[in-house]
Amino acid sequence: MVVIFDAELWIWDARRSDTWTFVSLPAEASEEIRDRAGGSRRGFGSLRVRVTVGGSTWKTSIFPDSAHGTYALPIKRAVRAAEALDVGDVATVNVELVDL
């Protein structure tokens, strides 16, 4: 399954000493992913994905975000730097589930 969408980068700062930057997958795609994943999840309910943003491609995991009812995708610092992205910017994201 491949999902392509535009999303705004946001910060999760629950630990105050460290921040993480994410995008949220669309609600409809998140629902379809939950249906397809069934019980095949890893730690914290994560699912393995291959992601492309601009010219950057990497493997990571998406995580259920109960506050929004979607999956959250971390956008690592190296990708943000390479693609000149910052919190509040909108990126086109290509997410491919790899273990389903």
N, C-alpha and C. Protein backbone atom coordinates (compact mmCIF):
# COMPACT_ATOMS: atom_id res chain seq x y z
N MET A 1 0.84 -1.18 0.00
CA MET A 1 0.00 0.00 0.00
C MET A 1 0.88 1.24 0.00
N VAL A 2 0.55 2.18 -0.87
CA VAL A 2 1.28 3.45 -0.97
C VAL A 2 0.29 4.59 -0.76
N VAL A 3 0.69 5.56 0.06
CA VAL A 3 -0.12 6.74 0.32
C VAL A 3 0.72 7.97 -0.02
N ILE A 4 0.18 8.85 -0.86
CA ILE A 4 0.86 10.10 -1.20
C ILE A 4 -0.04 11.23 -0.74
N PHE A 5 0.53 12.17 0.02
CA PHE A 5 -0.27 13.24 0.59
C PHE A 5 0.60 14.45 0.90
N ASP A 6 -0.04 15.59 1.08
CA ASP A 6 0.63 16.80 1.54
C ASP A 6 0.28 17.00 3.01
N ALA A 7 1.27 17.33 3.82
CA ALA A 7 1.02 17.51 5.25
C ALA A 7 1.98 18.55 5.84
N GLU A 8 1.49 19.22 6.88
CA GLU A 8 2.28 20.21 7.59
C GLU A 8 3.14 19.55 8.66
N LEU A 9 4.40 19.95 8.75
CA LEU A 9 5.29 19.44 9.79
C LEU A 9 4.92 20.05 11.14
N TRP A 10 4.89 19.22 12.19
CA TRP A 10 4.56 19.70 13.53
C TRP A 10 5.50 19.06 14.54
N ILE A 11 5.56 19.66 15.72
CA ILE A 11 6.47 19.18 16.77
C ILE A 11 5.70 18.45 17.85
N TRP A 12 6.26 17.32 18.26
CA TRP A 12 5.79 16.61 19.45
C TRP A 12 6.87 16.86 20.50
N ASP A 13 6.48 17.50 21.58
CA ASP A 13 7.48 17.87 22.59
C ASP A 13 7.08 17.40 23.98
N ALA A 14 6.62 16.18 24.06
CA ALA A 14 6.15 15.64 25.34
C ALA A 14 7.28 15.51 26.36
N ARG A 15 8.51 15.45 25.91
CA ARG A 15 9.63 15.28 26.83
C ARG A 15 10.35 16.57 27.16
N ARG A 16 9.90 17.67 26.69
CA ARG A 16 10.47 19.01 26.92
C ARG A 16 11.97 19.12 26.67
N SER A 17 12.75 18.09 27.00
CA SER A 17 14.19 18.18 26.77
C SER A 17 14.55 17.76 25.35
N ASP A 18 13.61 17.17 24.64
CA ASP A 18 13.86 16.69 23.28
C ASP A 18 12.60 16.91 22.47
N THR A 19 12.75 17.28 21.22
CA THR A 19 11.58 17.45 20.37
C THR A 19 11.71 16.56 19.15
N TRP A 20 10.58 16.15 18.63
CA TRP A 20 10.51 15.33 17.44
C TRP A 20 9.59 16.01 16.44
N THR A 21 9.93 15.94 15.18
CA THR A 21 9.11 16.56 14.13
C THR A 21 8.40 15.47 13.35
N PHE A 22 7.09 15.68 13.15
CA PHE A 22 6.24 14.69 12.50
C PHE A 22 5.36 15.34 11.43
N VAL A 23 4.76 14.48 10.60
CA VAL A 23 3.59 14.82 9.81
C VAL A 23 2.53 13.79 10.16
N SER A 24 1.28 14.16 10.01
CA SER A 24 0.18 13.23 10.25
C SER A 24 -0.34 12.70 8.93
N LEU A 25 -0.51 11.39 8.86
CA LEU A 25 -1.12 10.81 7.68
C LEU A 25 -2.59 11.20 7.65
N PRO A 26 -3.19 11.26 6.47
CA PRO A 26 -4.62 11.60 6.38
C PRO A 26 -5.48 10.58 7.13
N ALA A 27 -6.59 11.04 7.67
CA ALA A 27 -7.48 10.18 8.47
C ALA A 27 -7.97 8.98 7.68
N GLU A 28 -8.38 9.18 6.43
CA GLU A 28 -8.90 8.08 5.62
C GLU A 28 -7.82 7.03 5.36
N ALA A 29 -6.60 7.46 5.05
CA ALA A 29 -5.50 6.53 4.83
C ALA A 29 -5.14 5.81 6.12
N SER A 30 -5.18 6.53 7.24
CA SER A 30 -4.88 5.91 8.54
C SER A 30 -5.88 4.81 8.86
N GLU A 31 -7.13 5.05 8.56
CA GLU A 31 -8.16 4.03 8.81
C GLU A 31 -7.92 2.80 7.95
N GLU A 32 -7.58 3.00 6.68
CA GLU A 32 -7.30 1.87 5.79
C GLU A 32 -6.07 1.10 6.27
N ILE A 33 -5.05 1.81 6.72
CA ILE A 33 -3.84 1.16 7.24
C ILE A 33 -4.18 0.32 8.46
N ARG A 34 -4.98 0.87 9.39
CA ARG A 34 -5.39 0.10 10.58
C ARG A 34 -6.12 -1.17 10.17
N ASP A 35 -7.01 -1.07 9.19
CA ASP A 35 -7.76 -2.24 8.72
C ASP A 35 -6.83 -3.29 8.12
N ARG A 36 -5.89 -2.84 7.31
CA ARG A 36 -4.96 -3.79 6.67
C ARG A 36 -3.97 -4.39 7.66
N ALA A 37 -3.54 -3.61 8.63
CA ALA A 37 -2.53 -4.07 9.58
C ALA A 37 -3.08 -5.12 10.53
N GLY A 38 -4.35 -5.01 10.87
CA GLY A 38 -4.92 -5.96 11.82
C GLY A 38 -4.08 -6.00 13.08
N GLY A 39 -3.54 -7.18 13.41
CA GLY A 39 -2.73 -7.33 14.61
C GLY A 39 -1.24 -7.30 14.37
N SER A 40 -0.81 -7.06 13.13
CA SER A 40 0.63 -7.12 12.82
C SER A 40 1.30 -5.78 13.10
N ARG A 41 1.50 -5.49 14.39
CA ARG A 41 2.14 -4.24 14.79
C ARG A 41 3.33 -4.53 15.66
N ARG A 42 4.24 -3.59 15.70
CA ARG A 42 5.44 -3.71 16.54
C ARG A 42 5.26 -2.84 17.77
N GLY A 43 6.36 -2.53 18.45
CA GLY A 43 6.31 -1.72 19.66
C GLY A 43 5.57 -0.41 19.47
N PHE A 44 4.78 -0.02 20.44
CA PHE A 44 3.97 1.21 20.44
C PHE A 44 2.95 1.21 19.30
N GLY A 45 2.65 0.05 18.72
CA GLY A 45 1.69 -0.03 17.62
C GLY A 45 2.26 0.42 16.29
N SER A 46 3.59 0.48 16.20
CA SER A 46 4.23 1.01 14.99
C SER A 46 4.16 0.03 13.82
N LEU A 47 4.28 0.61 12.63
CA LEU A 47 4.34 -0.16 11.38
C LEU A 47 5.51 0.35 10.57
N ARG A 48 6.24 -0.59 9.94
CA ARG A 48 7.42 -0.23 9.15
C ARG A 48 6.99 0.35 7.80
N VAL A 49 7.68 1.42 7.38
CA VAL A 49 7.37 2.08 6.12
C VAL A 49 8.65 2.52 5.41
N ARG A 50 8.51 2.74 4.10
CA ARG A 50 9.55 3.39 3.29
C ARG A 50 8.96 4.74 2.90
N VAL A 51 9.71 5.80 3.10
CA VAL A 51 9.19 7.16 2.92
C VAL A 51 10.05 7.92 1.91
N THR A 52 9.38 8.74 1.10
CA THR A 52 10.09 9.66 0.22
C THR A 52 9.49 11.05 0.41
N VAL A 53 10.38 12.00 0.66
CA VAL A 53 10.03 13.42 0.71
C VAL A 53 11.05 14.12 -0.17
N GLY A 54 10.58 14.74 -1.24
CA GLY A 54 11.50 15.37 -2.19
C GLY A 54 12.46 14.35 -2.75
N GLY A 55 13.76 14.59 -2.63
CA GLY A 55 14.77 13.66 -3.11
C GLY A 55 15.29 12.71 -2.05
N SER A 56 14.68 12.72 -0.87
CA SER A 56 15.14 11.88 0.25
C SER A 56 14.22 10.68 0.44
N THR A 57 14.82 9.49 0.55
CA THR A 57 14.08 8.26 0.81
C THR A 57 14.74 7.54 1.97
N TRP A 58 13.93 7.04 2.91
CA TRP A 58 14.46 6.32 4.07
C TRP A 58 13.40 5.36 4.61
N LYS A 59 13.85 4.44 5.47
CA LYS A 59 12.95 3.52 6.15
C LYS A 59 12.79 3.97 7.59
N THR A 60 11.57 3.87 8.09
CA THR A 60 11.26 4.26 9.45
C THR A 60 9.98 3.55 9.86
N SER A 61 9.30 4.06 10.85
CA SER A 61 8.01 3.51 11.29
C SER A 61 7.02 4.64 11.45
N ILE A 62 5.74 4.30 11.29
CA ILE A 62 4.66 5.22 11.63
C ILE A 62 4.05 4.75 12.94
N PHE A 63 3.49 5.69 13.69
CA PHE A 63 2.98 5.39 15.02
C PHE A 63 1.54 5.89 15.14
N PRO A 64 0.68 5.12 15.80
CA PRO A 64 -0.69 5.61 16.01
C PRO A 64 -0.68 6.85 16.90
N ASP A 65 -1.43 7.85 16.50
CA ASP A 65 -1.57 9.09 17.26
C ASP A 65 -3.01 9.17 17.74
N SER A 66 -3.26 8.72 18.95
CA SER A 66 -4.62 8.65 19.47
C SER A 66 -5.26 10.03 19.61
N ALA A 67 -4.46 11.07 19.79
CA ALA A 67 -5.01 12.42 19.92
C ALA A 67 -5.70 12.88 18.64
N HIS A 68 -5.19 12.41 17.49
CA HIS A 68 -5.74 12.84 16.20
C HIS A 68 -6.44 11.72 15.45
N GLY A 69 -6.31 10.48 15.93
CA GLY A 69 -6.93 9.35 15.25
C GLY A 69 -6.26 8.99 13.95
N THR A 70 -4.99 9.37 13.81
CA THR A 70 -4.25 9.09 12.59
C THR A 70 -2.92 8.41 12.94
N TYR A 71 -2.11 8.18 11.94
CA TYR A 71 -0.73 7.74 12.17
C TYR A 71 0.18 8.95 12.05
N ALA A 72 1.23 8.97 12.85
CA ALA A 72 2.23 10.04 12.82
C ALA A 72 3.52 9.48 12.24
N LEU A 73 4.13 10.25 11.37
CA LEU A 73 5.38 9.87 10.71
C LEU A 73 6.48 10.83 11.12
N PRO A 74 7.55 10.32 11.76
CA PRO A 74 8.67 11.21 12.11
C PRO A 74 9.46 11.61 10.87
N ILE A 75 9.80 12.89 10.81
CA ILE A 75 10.64 13.41 9.72
C ILE A 75 11.97 13.78 10.34
N LYS A 76 12.98 12.96 10.07
CA LYS A 76 14.25 13.16 10.76
C LYS A 76 14.98 14.42 10.31
N ARG A 77 15.83 14.89 11.19
CA ARG A 77 16.55 16.15 11.01
C ARG A 77 17.32 16.19 9.68
N ALA A 78 17.99 15.11 9.32
CA ALA A 78 18.77 15.09 8.07
C ALA A 78 17.88 15.32 6.86
N VAL A 79 16.68 14.76 6.88
CA VAL A 79 15.74 14.96 5.77
C VAL A 79 15.25 16.40 5.75
N ARG A 80 14.90 16.93 6.92
CA ARG A 80 14.45 18.32 6.99
C ARG A 80 15.53 19.26 6.45
N ALA A 81 16.78 19.00 6.79
CA ALA A 81 17.88 19.84 6.30
C ALA A 81 18.05 19.69 4.79
N ALA A 82 18.05 18.45 4.32
CA ALA A 82 18.26 18.19 2.88
C ALA A 82 17.14 18.78 2.02
N GLU A 83 15.94 18.80 2.56
CA GLU A 83 14.78 19.26 1.80
C GLU A 83 14.36 20.69 2.17
N ALA A 84 15.16 21.36 3.02
CA ALA A 84 14.89 22.73 3.45
C ALA A 84 13.48 22.86 4.04
N LEU A 85 13.14 21.95 4.96
CA LEU A 85 11.83 21.95 5.61
C LEU A 85 11.97 22.33 7.07
N ASP A 86 10.95 23.03 7.57
CA ASP A 86 10.91 23.41 8.97
C ASP A 86 9.49 23.21 9.47
N VAL A 87 9.32 23.25 10.77
CA VAL A 87 8.00 23.13 11.37
C VAL A 87 7.07 24.18 10.76
N GLY A 88 5.88 23.75 10.39
CA GLY A 88 4.90 24.64 9.76
C GLY A 88 4.92 24.57 8.25
N ASP A 89 6.02 24.07 7.66
CA ASP A 89 6.07 23.89 6.21
C ASP A 89 5.20 22.70 5.80
N VAL A 90 4.74 22.71 4.56
CA VAL A 90 3.96 21.60 4.02
C VAL A 90 4.84 20.82 3.06
N ALA A 91 4.87 19.51 3.23
CA ALA A 91 5.69 18.63 2.38
C ALA A 91 4.79 17.62 1.68
N THR A 92 5.19 17.22 0.49
CA THR A 92 4.54 16.11 -0.20
C THR A 92 5.26 14.85 0.25
N VAL A 93 4.49 13.90 0.78
CA VAL A 93 5.04 12.70 1.41
C VAL A 93 4.52 11.46 0.70
N ASN A 94 5.42 10.54 0.41
CA ASN A 94 5.07 9.24 -0.17
C ASN A 94 5.41 8.18 0.87
N VAL A 95 4.41 7.45 1.36
CA VAL A 95 4.61 6.43 2.39
C VAL A 95 4.20 5.07 1.82
N GLU A 96 5.10 4.10 1.92
CA GLU A 96 4.82 2.75 1.46
C GLU A 96 4.97 1.80 2.66
N LEU A 97 3.90 1.05 2.96
CA LEU A 97 3.98 0.04 4.01
C LEU A 97 4.85 -1.09 3.51
N VAL A 98 5.81 -1.54 4.32
CA VAL A 98 6.76 -2.55 3.84
C VAL A 98 6.50 -3.96 4.40
N ASP A 99 5.78 -4.11 5.48
CA ASP A 99 5.63 -5.44 6.07
C ASP A 99 4.21 -5.99 5.98
N LEU A 100 3.37 -5.45 5.13
CA LEU A 100 2.00 -5.95 5.04
C LEU A 100 1.77 -6.67 3.73
